[in-house]
Amino acid sequence: MEGLGTILKRGRGLSITNIPDLIKEAIDRNKARHDAVLYPKWNGEDWVSTTCISCEDIGWYMKEISGTGSDSESTWKQVECGCGIRLHDAEASRLKYSGIPCVAQKQTFSTFTSITGTESVLEAAKSIIVNPTVTLVLLYGGRGNGKSHLAHASGMEAIKQGHPTRFLRCSQLLREFKGAKSQGDGGQQAYEAIFMEYLTIPYLIIDEFSWRTEADIDMLEDIVCEREAEYRMTLLTSNHDKSDIDDAFPRVYSRLLAKTSILALNDAPDYRVEK
């Protein structure tokens, strides 16, 4: 079903669970009009499939859109199941699903030490959350100057505002894609399931955006460009210079120059270097 995230069961291996009847029932019950995303439920140890969109799951998020094209605005609303059971603590569930490390969950905008050189990246990390016209942001610059902190902070703020969010390092994303493709006959299907998962999440943060091979470039460019075309929020951080991004990812770089994007340089020194 187009516009719906594929349900992934994460355990000792990757398996794909198809529940089209339950999804159709949920859509009919909630009269979903636009995109709706169904998230796996965290059972304390693993991500498992759902049977009910509120009492057994984080819930449905329906995207309501006003306007068209680059002038469109979207809001995500969590919808109850209709079974009569109240929703779980949605913010806590979103935080568990987000992938933001526990040690990084205290890294907020208020705990960020802004110094000369960080002004533009701080503003950009905030803008993607508060400005509905911004859908793609790249924070780039040297190492150790707070880009990951701002990525964590942006994710934490998005979760508070009700945006379903996923944070992961680029190396992890590439491992997932490559691991899926290596699964023999089912590799392409597994790859497409992971791709759809990252395509449909409302806010995706890819930290330490980097690459080694042409295959890496193809995978990353596809996910970033398709998300931008769908007006879904994506934040990238990278130690690479913008010229490197332009050389490797011309389609991505072109989108970074659009009015709906922000290209922000962090030229502050390394916080970790002792003075």
Foldseek 3Di string as FASTA:
>chain_A
DPLEAFEWWDDPDTDGDDDVVQVVVQCVQQVADARKYAYFADPPPTGDHARFQFPGGLAIWGWDWDDDDLPIFIDTDGDHRPPPDHGDPNLVRLVVQAALDPVLLVLALVPDDDDPQCVQVLVQLVCLQVPRSAAEEEEEAAPQQCNVSSLSRSQNVNSVVPARHHEDELVVVVCQLVVLLPPPPRSVVSNVSSLSNLLNRQEYEYEADDDDDLVSLVSVLVSQLSSVVVSGHYYYYHHDDLVVCCVSRVPNSVSCPDPNHDYGYRHDDRPPDDD
